[in-house]
């Protein structure tokens, strides 16, 4: 390829151990309606490329948002090489890197309806139809949004890989505010998938549920905190697993001694559960075919039967930690594959679709085993310290469980504690039929990438509940 020849011309240097060249082109479109009026219609297109090199023990990176031309590519490659040389001068590390065979492939998202085949007018009318569904005087503000993106990435590296992947993602969401007798509450929901316009199917039902729940929230009472057994739905479970466990399992955090999981591989850290990160699941928001270092997406066990089995890796962290035998001995497993970047940025170790594997408990069974506790649904975010392994998360909905039955809604509820305590206190895990999707954008190092989970509800026998 012409681009590869231009890069090789500059990087033909015995001290360059590895290089990557990535081009990204595509567009994003967004529409929003607020209180029955158009709030925004916007679109953007991007054409950019980047070069990343490993010069001795120094990484060099450069990117540019300009048309592809031999001159631009050569100048960007020269800048990356210069940055790598300077980085090497000050490097105190002995960088190792995983390398493999060359891959030649083309992959694209499976869609039923390409967003580009649906007119802008139809997308606008869709949001207005959503708006008309909510017709309650208690709802003082209603916001509906739609966005789609189609991007093509082309990746080449010094191994000889040439990979093209086309990603299509669609997001549709709502946020509402209700007010009555001086009380205000908000509620929100969204569908987000690596798929086409069909993502919007049945979102009307989600809007109805969001409105009904919001009206109930206005009657919610304050919670009295303490240690209680809880049932967490799939969304709250996803937040616990993603934020408190998943980030601590990212290989770069381990290498930087910023993870509470350091030195715990092959140790039992939870009850008998399996926690998986799997970017290969068709349609989920965090799915991809290849990561941004050209490694084929693959399923990994973070926890298996309660034992910490693996960390998530880039090429570098896989080589550095695998050489220290900090993983299972399965030689067929590809440990790299979780390096992801927002656009043409430096790839970082990131999760994809992270979740607890479902087991065999009915939701009603979980609730019927609690005499005095709580049922937590959804999430409003929270805080986590992956060094200490502590967290505090805020539930979107909370229901009191009394004498084995749900007796009413509460408001302003948080879940807090140690990730190790929570993992060990998970008593039972729900069936697959109860799994909840939890799509979102995960931030790290100033970058945001799509993530998801398909978590079942879990019953935790003892956890701290607080009031917000």
Protein backbone atom coordinates (compact mmCIF):
# COMPACT_ATOMS: atom_id res chain seq x y z
CA UNK A 1 0.00 0.00 0.00
CA UNK A 2 1.24 3.50 -0.76
CA UNK A 3 0.73 4.64 2.83
CA UNK A 4 2.78 1.75 4.18
CA UNK A 5 5.62 2.49 1.76
CA UNK A 6 5.69 6.13 2.88
CA UNK A 7 5.87 5.10 6.55
CA UNK A 8 8.53 2.46 5.93
CA UNK A 9 10.67 4.99 4.08
CA UNK A 10 10.96 7.10 7.23
CA UNK A 11 11.01 4.26 9.74
CA UNK A 12 13.67 2.15 8.03
CA UNK A 13 15.83 2.27 11.14
CA UNK A 14 17.41 -0.65 12.97
CA UNK A 15 16.52 0.89 16.32
CA UNK A 16 12.78 0.96 15.57
CA UNK A 17 11.40 -2.21 17.09
CA UNK A 18 7.77 -1.78 16.11
CA UNK A 19 5.46 0.68 14.31
CA UNK A 20 1.76 1.21 13.58
CA UNK A 21 -0.08 3.34 11.03
CA UNK A 22 -3.81 4.03 11.46
CA UNK A 23 -6.24 6.00 9.29
CA UNK A 24 -9.77 6.89 10.37
CA UNK A 25 -12.53 8.34 8.22
CA UNK A 26 -16.21 8.66 8.92
CA UNK A 27 -19.03 10.80 10.19
CA UNK A 28 -21.23 11.34 13.23
CA UNK A 29 -24.76 12.77 13.18
CA UNK A 30 -26.81 13.92 16.13
CA UNK A 31 -30.34 15.22 16.72
CA UNK A 32 -32.08 16.30 19.90
CA UNK A 33 -35.56 17.53 20.78
CA UNK A 34 -36.28 19.40 24.01
CA UNK A 35 -39.84 20.08 25.16
CA UNK A 36 -41.31 19.60 21.71
CA UNK A 37 -38.79 21.77 19.86
CA UNK A 38 -35.65 21.05 17.92
CA UNK A 39 -32.73 21.53 20.27
CA UNK A 40 -29.89 20.63 17.91
CA UNK A 41 -29.13 19.04 14.56
CA UNK A 42 -25.44 18.53 13.98
CA UNK A 43 -23.06 16.48 11.92
CA UNK A 44 -19.32 16.12 11.68
CA UNK A 45 -16.86 14.26 9.50
CA UNK A 46 -13.29 13.27 10.20
CA UNK A 47 -10.31 12.18 8.17
CA UNK A 48 -7.18 11.62 10.20
CA UNK A 49 -4.20 9.35 10.56
CA UNK A 50 -1.55 8.55 13.14
CA UNK A 51 1.86 6.93 13.40
CA UNK A 52 3.15 5.23 16.55
CA UNK A 53 6.62 3.76 16.89
CA UNK A 54 8.73 2.04 19.52
CA UNK A 55 12.29 3.37 19.20
CA UNK A 56 14.56 1.34 21.47
CA UNK A 57 12.80 1.96 24.83
CA UNK A 58 10.82 5.05 23.89
CA UNK A 59 7.34 5.34 22.40
CA UNK A 60 6.76 8.06 19.81
CA UNK A 61 3.34 9.11 18.54
CA UNK A 62 2.01 11.72 16.13
CA UNK A 63 -1.38 12.26 14.51
CA UNK A 64 -2.84 14.75 12.08
CA UNK A 65 -6.33 15.64 10.87
CA UNK A 66 -5.57 16.41 7.24
CA UNK A 67 -6.12 14.79 3.84
CA UNK A 68 -4.02 11.71 3.17
CA UNK A 69 -0.99 12.56 1.09
CA UNK A 70 2.48 11.13 0.88
CA UNK A 71 3.97 14.39 2.15
CA UNK A 72 1.64 14.56 5.18
CA UNK A 73 2.27 10.92 6.01
CA UNK A 74 6.05 11.30 5.79
CA UNK A 75 6.02 14.44 7.95
CA UNK A 76 3.85 12.72 10.58
CA UNK A 77 6.11 9.66 10.59
CA UNK A 78 9.18 11.90 11.05
CA UNK A 79 7.50 13.61 14.00
CA UNK A 80 6.64 10.27 15.61
CA UNK A 81 10.24 9.11 15.14
CA UNK A 82 11.59 12.32 16.68
CA UNK A 83 9.23 11.93 19.65
CA UNK A 84 10.34 8.33 20.08
CA UNK A 85 14.02 9.28 20.11
CA UNK A 86 13.46 11.97 22.73
CA UNK A 87 11.33 9.59 24.79
CA UNK A 88 14.10 7.00 24.66
CA UNK A 89 16.67 9.50 25.94
CA UNK A 90 14.75 9.91 29.16
CA UNK A 91 13.34 6.39 29.41
CA UNK A 92 14.28 4.33 32.45
CA UNK A 93 12.24 1.33 31.35
CA UNK A 94 13.08 -1.88 29.55
CA UNK A 95 9.99 -2.01 27.35
CA UNK A 96 8.80 -5.40 26.16
CA UNK A 97 6.15 -5.85 23.49
CA UNK A 98 4.02 -8.74 22.30
CA UNK A 99 4.27 -9.40 18.55
CA UNK A 100 2.49 -11.92 16.38
CA UNK A 101 1.75 -12.96 12.84
CA UNK A 102 0.60 -10.58 10.12
CA UNK A 103 -3.18 -10.31 9.76
CA UNK A 104 -4.97 -9.39 6.53
CA UNK A 105 -8.68 -8.86 7.10
CA UNK A 106 -11.79 -6.80 6.45
CA UNK A 107 -14.66 -6.74 8.96
CA UNK A 108 -17.79 -4.64 9.33
CA UNK A 109 -20.75 -4.27 11.68
CA UNK A 110 -23.81 -6.33 10.82
CA UNK A 111 -26.80 -4.04 10.37
CA UNK A 112 -30.40 -4.50 9.35
CA UNK A 113 -30.84 -0.82 8.45
CA UNK A 114 -27.89 1.42 7.73
CA UNK A 115 -28.39 4.83 9.41
CA UNK A 116 -27.36 6.47 6.14
CA UNK A 117 -30.36 4.83 4.45
CA UNK A 118 -32.76 6.66 6.80
CA UNK A 119 -33.51 10.28 5.96
CA UNK A 120 -32.81 13.11 8.40
CA UNK A 121 -36.52 13.97 8.32
CA UNK A 122 -37.45 10.45 9.44
CA UNK A 123 -34.99 10.62 12.33
CA UNK A 124 -36.39 14.00 13.42
CA UNK A 125 -39.97 12.71 13.24
CA UNK A 126 -38.95 9.75 15.38
CA UNK A 127 -37.91 12.08 18.19
CA UNK A 128 -41.06 14.15 17.87
CA UNK A 129 -43.11 10.95 18.13
CA UNK A 130 -41.21 10.13 21.32
CA UNK A 131 -41.97 13.59 22.66
CA UNK A 132 -45.71 13.19 22.03
CA UNK A 133 -45.80 10.00 24.12
CA UNK A 134 -45.00 11.98 27.28
CA UNK A 135 -48.02 14.15 28.01
CA UNK A 136 -48.16 14.59 31.77
CA UNK A 137 -48.27 17.99 33.48
CA UNK A 138 -45.95 16.70 36.19
CA UNK A 139 -43.17 16.28 33.59
CA UNK A 140 -41.62 19.74 33.36
CA UNK A 141 -38.77 18.90 31.04
CA UNK A 142 -38.39 16.13 28.46
CA UNK A 143 -35.35 15.62 26.28
CA UNK A 144 -34.87 13.09 23.48
CA UNK A 145 -31.72 12.44 21.48
CA UNK A 146 -30.50 10.32 18.59
CA UNK A 147 -27.02 9.87 17.19
CA UNK A 148 -25.33 7.57 14.72
CA UNK A 149 -21.75 7.10 13.62
CA UNK A 150 -20.09 5.22 10.79
CA UNK A 151 -16.31 4.97 10.82
CA UNK A 152 -13.77 3.08 8.77
CA UNK A 153 -10.40 2.30 10.32
CA UNK A 154 -7.42 1.07 8.36
CA UNK A 155 -4.53 -0.36 10.35
CA UNK A 156 -1.04 -1.37 9.26
CA UNK A 157 2.01 -2.30 11.28
CA UNK A 158 5.59 -3.55 11.05
CA UNK A 159 4.38 -7.15 11.32
CA UNK A 160 2.77 -6.74 7.90
CA UNK A 161 -0.84 -6.56 9.10
CA UNK A 162 -3.42 -4.80 6.95
CA UNK A 163 -6.80 -4.59 8.69
CA UNK A 164 -9.88 -2.63 7.70
CA UNK A 165 -12.93 -2.47 9.95
CA UNK A 166 -16.13 -0.51 9.55
CA UNK A 167 -18.02 0.27 12.74
CA UNK A 168 -21.64 1.43 12.91
CA UNK A 169 -23.14 2.61 16.22
CA UNK A 170 -26.52 4.10 17.08
CA UNK A 171 -27.62 5.71 20.36
CA UNK A 172 -31.12 6.86 21.29
CA UNK A 173 -31.99 8.28 24.69
CA UNK A 174 -34.28 10.31 26.89
CA UNK A 175 -34.02 12.39 30.05
CA UNK A 176 -36.98 13.76 31.98
CA UNK A 177 -37.54 16.04 34.95
CA UNK A 178 -40.69 15.94 37.07
CA UNK A 179 -41.87 18.38 39.72
CA UNK A 180 -44.71 18.22 42.22
CA UNK A 181 -45.32 19.95 45.56
CA UNK A 182 -41.85 21.48 45.50
CA UNK A 183 -40.05 18.17 44.85
CA UNK A 184 -37.99 17.52 41.76
CA UNK A 185 -36.68 14.25 40.37
CA UNK A 186 -34.96 13.24 37.14
CA UNK A 187 -34.83 9.96 35.27
CA UNK A 188 -33.12 8.84 32.08
CA UNK A 189 -32.61 5.87 29.79
CA UNK A 190 -30.97 4.95 26.51
CA UNK A 191 -30.41 2.22 23.97
CA UNK A 192 -26.92 2.05 22.45
CA UNK A 193 -25.61 -0.68 20.19
CA UNK A 194 -22.97 -1.53 17.64
CA UNK A 195 -25.70 -1.93 15.05
CA UNK A 196 -27.87 0.03 12.64
CA UNK A 197 -31.05 2.10 12.87
CA UNK A 198 -32.82 -0.98 14.21
CA UNK A 199 -31.35 0.02 17.59
CA UNK A 200 -34.35 2.34 17.96
CA UNK A 201 -36.83 -0.57 17.82
CA UNK A 202 -39.14 -0.64 20.85
CA UNK A 203 -37.56 2.38 22.54
CA UNK A 204 -41.10 3.64 23.03
CA UNK A 205 -41.53 1.03 25.75
CA UNK A 206 -38.42 2.32 27.49
CA UNK A 207 -39.77 5.86 27.38
CA UNK A 208 -43.01 4.74 29.01
CA UNK A 209 -41.13 2.94 31.79
CA UNK A 210 -38.86 5.94 32.36
CA UNK A 211 -41.90 8.21 32.78
CA UNK A 212 -43.73 5.81 35.13
CA UNK A 213 -40.68 5.36 37.31
CA UNK A 214 -40.04 9.10 37.46
CA UNK A 215 -43.54 9.77 38.77
CA UNK A 216 -43.04 7.11 41.44
CA UNK A 217 -39.75 8.74 42.46
CA UNK A 218 -41.63 11.86 43.53
CA UNK A 219 -43.18 9.81 46.34
CA UNK A 220 -39.91 8.20 47.44
CA UNK A 221 -38.83 8.53 51.05
CA UNK A 222 -35.31 9.07 52.37
CA UNK A 223 -33.36 5.96 53.28
CA UNK A 224 -31.92 5.16 56.69
CA UNK A 225 -28.44 3.82 56.10
CA UNK A 226 -26.57 0.87 57.54
CA UNK A 227 -25.37 -2.60 56.59
CA UNK A 228 -28.02 -4.62 54.78
CA UNK A 229 -28.44 -7.44 52.28
CA UNK A 230 -29.28 -6.14 48.82
CA UNK A 231 -30.34 -7.34 45.42
CA UNK A 232 -28.63 -5.35 42.66
CA UNK A 233 -30.16 -5.42 39.19
CA UNK A 234 -28.01 -5.97 36.10
CA UNK A 235 -27.24 -2.28 35.60
CA UNK A 236 -26.06 -1.68 39.17
CA UNK A 237 -24.09 -4.94 39.00
CA UNK A 238 -22.48 -3.71 35.77
CA UNK A 239 -21.32 -0.52 37.46
CA UNK A 240 -19.78 -2.45 40.36
CA UNK A 241 -18.00 -4.86 38.03
CA UNK A 242 -16.86 -2.23 35.53
CA UNK A 243 -15.78 0.55 37.84
CA UNK A 244 -14.52 -1.23 40.94
CA UNK A 245 -13.13 -4.43 39.43
CA UNK A 246 -12.61 -3.83 35.70
CA UNK A 247 -10.45 -0.71 35.94
CA UNK A 248 -8.29 -2.35 38.60
CA UNK A 249 -7.80 -5.30 36.20
CA UNK A 250 -6.37 -3.12 33.41
CA UNK A 251 -2.73 -4.04 32.85
CA UNK A 252 -1.36 -0.52 32.75
CA UNK A 253 -2.79 0.21 36.21
CA UNK A 254 -1.10 -2.95 37.48
CA UNK A 255 2.29 -2.02 35.98
CA UNK A 256 2.03 1.50 37.42
CA UNK A 257 1.29 0.01 40.87
CA UNK A 258 -2.09 1.73 40.86
CA UNK A 259 -4.25 -1.37 41.26
CA UNK A 260 -5.52 -3.16 44.34
CA UNK A 261 -5.31 -6.40 42.31
CA UNK A 262 -1.54 -6.33 41.93
CA UNK A 263 0.10 -9.64 42.88
CA UNK A 264 -3.28 -11.37 43.30
CA UNK A 265 -3.35 -13.49 40.12
CA UNK A 266 -4.39 -17.06 41.02
CA UNK A 267 -5.79 -15.86 44.34
CA UNK A 268 -9.41 -16.36 45.35
CA UNK A 269 -10.94 -12.88 45.57
CA UNK A 270 -14.67 -13.55 45.30
CA UNK A 271 -17.44 -16.05 45.79
CA UNK A 272 -17.81 -18.65 43.05
CA UNK A 273 -18.50 -16.35 40.11
CA UNK A 274 -17.08 -15.82 36.62
CA UNK A 275 -16.33 -12.29 35.40
CA UNK A 276 -15.69 -11.93 31.68
CA UNK A 277 -14.56 -9.21 29.28
CA UNK A 278 -15.74 -10.07 25.78
CA UNK A 279 -15.65 -7.67 22.80
CA UNK A 280 -16.83 -10.37 20.37
CA UNK A 281 -20.54 -10.33 21.33
CA UNK A 282 -22.51 -9.23 18.30
CA UNK A 283 -24.33 -5.91 18.68
CA UNK A 284 -23.15 -4.82 22.12
CA UNK A 285 -21.98 -1.23 22.42
CA UNK A 286 -18.47 -2.20 23.55
CA UNK A 287 -17.85 -4.76 20.81
CA UNK A 288 -15.15 -4.57 18.14
CA UNK A 289 -13.37 -6.88 15.69
CA UNK A 290 -9.78 -5.80 16.33
CA UNK A 291 -8.38 -3.52 18.99
CA UNK A 292 -6.40 -0.41 18.06
CA UNK A 293 -3.12 -2.33 18.08
CA UNK A 294 -4.37 -4.78 15.44
CA UNK A 295 -5.05 -7.67 17.84
CA UNK A 296 -8.12 -9.79 17.10
CA UNK A 297 -10.87 -9.35 19.70
CA UNK A 298 -11.02 -12.23 22.16
CA UNK A 299 -12.94 -13.29 25.24
CA UNK A 300 -11.09 -13.24 28.58
CA UNK A 301 -11.90 -14.41 32.09
CA UNK A 302 -10.94 -11.82 34.70
CA UNK A 303 -12.35 -14.03 37.48
CA UNK A 304 -13.05 -17.75 37.06
CA UNK A 305 -14.72 -19.72 39.86
CA UNK A 306 -13.87 -16.89 42.23
CA UNK A 307 -10.15 -16.83 41.36
CA UNK A 308 -8.47 -13.81 39.73
CA UNK A 309 -7.45 -15.35 36.43
CA UNK A 310 -6.24 -12.58 34.10
CA UNK A 311 -5.64 -8.89 33.65
CA UNK A 312 -6.62 -6.98 30.49
CA UNK A 313 -3.76 -6.05 28.21
CA UNK A 314 -2.16 -4.05 25.45
CA UNK A 315 0.79 -5.47 23.52
CA UNK A 316 3.17 -3.91 26.04
CA UNK A 317 1.45 -4.90 29.29
CA UNK A 318 0.88 -8.46 27.99
CA UNK A 319 4.58 -8.90 27.26
CA UNK A 320 5.70 -7.36 30.55
CA UNK A 321 3.27 -9.13 32.87
CA UNK A 322 3.13 -12.45 31.02
CA UNK A 323 6.91 -12.77 31.33
CA UNK A 324 6.40 -12.52 35.07
CA UNK A 325 3.94 -15.48 34.91
CA UNK A 326 1.09 -13.47 36.37
CA UNK A 327 -1.56 -15.28 34.33
CA UNK A 328 -2.92 -18.74 33.70
CA UNK A 329 -0.76 -21.21 31.83
CA UNK A 330 -3.09 -21.60 28.83
CA UNK A 331 -0.63 -21.00 25.99
CA UNK A 332 -3.41 -20.77 23.39
CA UNK A 333 -5.00 -17.68 24.92
CA UNK A 334 -4.17 -14.33 23.37
CA UNK A 335 -3.71 -11.97 26.29
CA UNK A 336 -3.37 -8.72 24.37
CA UNK A 337 -6.40 -7.25 22.61
CA UNK A 338 -7.74 -4.57 24.97
CA UNK A 339 -5.84 -1.53 23.67
CA UNK A 340 -8.37 1.06 22.54
CA UNK A 341 -8.24 4.69 21.48
CA UNK A 342 -10.72 7.47 20.97
CA UNK A 343 -10.16 8.43 17.36
CA UNK A 344 -6.50 8.77 16.43
CA UNK A 345 -5.12 8.88 19.96
CA UNK A 346 -2.62 6.73 21.82
CA UNK A 347 -4.20 3.32 22.60
CA UNK A 348 -4.80 2.65 26.30
CA UNK A 349 -5.77 -0.57 28.07
CA UNK A 350 -9.58 -0.52 28.20
CA UNK A 351 -12.52 -2.80 28.91
CA UNK A 352 -15.10 -3.76 26.27
CA UNK A 353 -18.21 -5.70 27.41
CA UNK A 354 -17.57 -6.68 31.02
CA UNK A 355 -19.98 -8.81 33.04
CA UNK A 356 -20.68 -11.55 35.55
CA UNK A 357 -21.65 -14.81 33.87
CA UNK A 358 -25.32 -15.64 34.68
CA UNK A 359 -26.10 -18.59 36.95
CA UNK A 360 -29.41 -20.14 37.96
CA UNK A 361 -31.31 -17.98 40.44
CA UNK A 362 -34.73 -16.45 39.90
CA UNK A 363 -35.08 -12.77 40.81
CA UNK A 364 -38.10 -13.51 43.00
CA UNK A 365 -36.06 -16.09 44.90
CA UNK A 366 -33.41 -13.50 45.73
CA UNK A 367 -35.96 -11.04 47.06
CA UNK A 368 -37.86 -13.73 49.00
CA UNK A 369 -34.69 -14.57 50.97
CA UNK A 370 -34.36 -11.05 52.45
CA UNK A 371 -36.21 -10.04 55.61
CA UNK A 372 -34.84 -6.49 55.76
CA UNK A 373 -32.90 -5.06 52.83
CA UNK A 374 -33.03 -3.27 49.49
CA UNK A 375 -33.49 -3.82 45.77
CA UNK A 376 -31.30 -1.43 43.75
CA UNK A 377 -31.99 -0.68 40.08
CA UNK A 378 -29.99 1.38 37.63
CA UNK A 379 -27.14 3.76 38.33
CA UNK A 380 -26.42 7.48 38.54
CA UNK A 381 -22.65 6.99 38.56
CA UNK A 382 -20.28 7.22 41.49
CA UNK A 383 -16.66 7.24 42.60
CA UNK A 384 -14.03 4.52 42.86
CA UNK A 385 -10.45 4.28 44.14
CA UNK A 386 -8.84 1.34 42.35
CA UNK A 387 -5.68 1.62 44.47
CA UNK A 388 -7.55 1.11 47.73
CA UNK A 389 -10.33 -0.93 46.16
CA UNK A 390 -13.10 1.24 47.60
CA UNK A 391 -16.19 2.66 45.88
CA UNK A 392 -19.43 4.57 46.28
CA UNK A 393 -22.16 4.22 43.66
CA UNK A 394 -25.57 5.88 43.44
CA UNK A 395 -28.69 3.90 42.55
CA UNK A 396 -31.22 5.33 40.14
CA UNK A 397 -34.06 3.44 41.82
CA UNK A 398 -34.23 1.86 45.26
CA UNK A 399 -36.97 -0.32 46.72
CA UNK A 400 -37.29 -1.40 50.33
CA UNK A 401 -37.54 -5.14 50.95
CA UNK A 402 -39.41 -6.01 54.15
CA UNK A 403 -40.36 -9.52 55.20
CA UNK A 404 -39.37 -10.92 51.81
CA UNK A 405 -41.47 -8.47 49.77
CA UNK A 406 -40.93 -5.11 48.05
CA UNK A 407 -42.88 -2.55 50.06
CA UNK A 408 -42.02 0.86 48.57
CA UNK A 409 -39.64 3.16 46.73
CA UNK A 410 -36.88 5.20 48.40
CA UNK A 411 -34.74 8.03 47.07
CA UNK A 412 -31.15 9.19 47.25
CA UNK A 413 -29.52 5.81 47.91
CA UNK A 414 -25.85 4.94 47.61
CA UNK A 415 -23.93 1.67 47.81
CA UNK A 416 -20.43 1.83 49.28
CA UNK A 417 -17.62 -0.35 50.52
CA UNK A 418 -14.68 -2.48 49.42
CA UNK A 419 -14.74 -4.34 46.13
CA UNK A 420 -13.20 -7.40 47.83
CA UNK A 421 -15.93 -7.46 50.47
CA UNK A 422 -18.67 -7.11 47.87
CA UNK A 423 -17.22 -9.79 45.60
CA UNK A 424 -16.92 -12.23 48.49
CA UNK A 425 -20.43 -11.41 49.71
CA UNK A 426 -22.17 -12.19 46.41
CA UNK A 427 -24.34 -15.11 47.47
CA UNK A 428 -26.28 -15.89 44.31
CA UNK A 429 -26.36 -14.79 40.67
CA UNK A 430 -29.47 -14.48 38.53
CA UNK A 431 -30.42 -16.26 35.33
CA UNK A 432 -29.65 -15.12 31.82
CA UNK A 433 -33.26 -14.07 31.25
CA UNK A 434 -32.77 -11.19 33.72
CA UNK A 435 -29.61 -9.71 32.18
CA UNK A 436 -29.58 -5.95 31.63
CA UNK A 437 -27.56 -4.07 29.05
CA UNK A 438 -25.48 -1.20 30.40
CA UNK A 439 -24.04 0.75 27.45
CA UNK A 440 -22.05 3.88 28.08
CA UNK A 441 -18.92 5.87 27.34
CA UNK A 442 -15.98 5.06 29.61
CA UNK A 443 -13.44 7.77 30.33
CA UNK A 444 -9.74 7.25 30.93
CA UNK A 445 -6.69 9.37 30.18
CA UNK A 446 -8.84 12.06 28.58
CA UNK A 447 -10.34 9.56 26.12
CA UNK A 448 -13.84 8.05 25.93
CA UNK A 449 -14.66 4.72 24.32
CA UNK A 450 -17.93 2.70 24.10
CA UNK A 451 -18.39 -0.05 26.71
CA UNK A 452 -21.22 -2.35 27.71
CA UNK A 453 -22.21 -5.33 29.85
CA UNK A 454 -24.93 -7.99 29.99
CA UNK A 455 -25.14 -8.51 33.71
CA UNK A 456 -27.69 -10.51 35.68
CA UNK A 457 -28.95 -9.39 39.09
CA UNK A 458 -26.96 -10.52 42.12
CA UNK A 459 -27.75 -10.90 45.82
CA UNK A 460 -25.13 -9.45 48.16
CA UNK A 461 -25.50 -10.58 51.76
CA UNK A 462 -24.02 -7.56 53.52
CA UNK A 463 -23.13 -4.13 52.12
CA UNK A 464 -23.22 -0.54 53.34
CA UNK A 465 -26.22 1.52 52.23
CA UNK A 466 -26.09 5.30 52.61
CA UNK A 467 -28.27 8.30 51.91
CA UNK A 468 -27.32 10.97 49.40
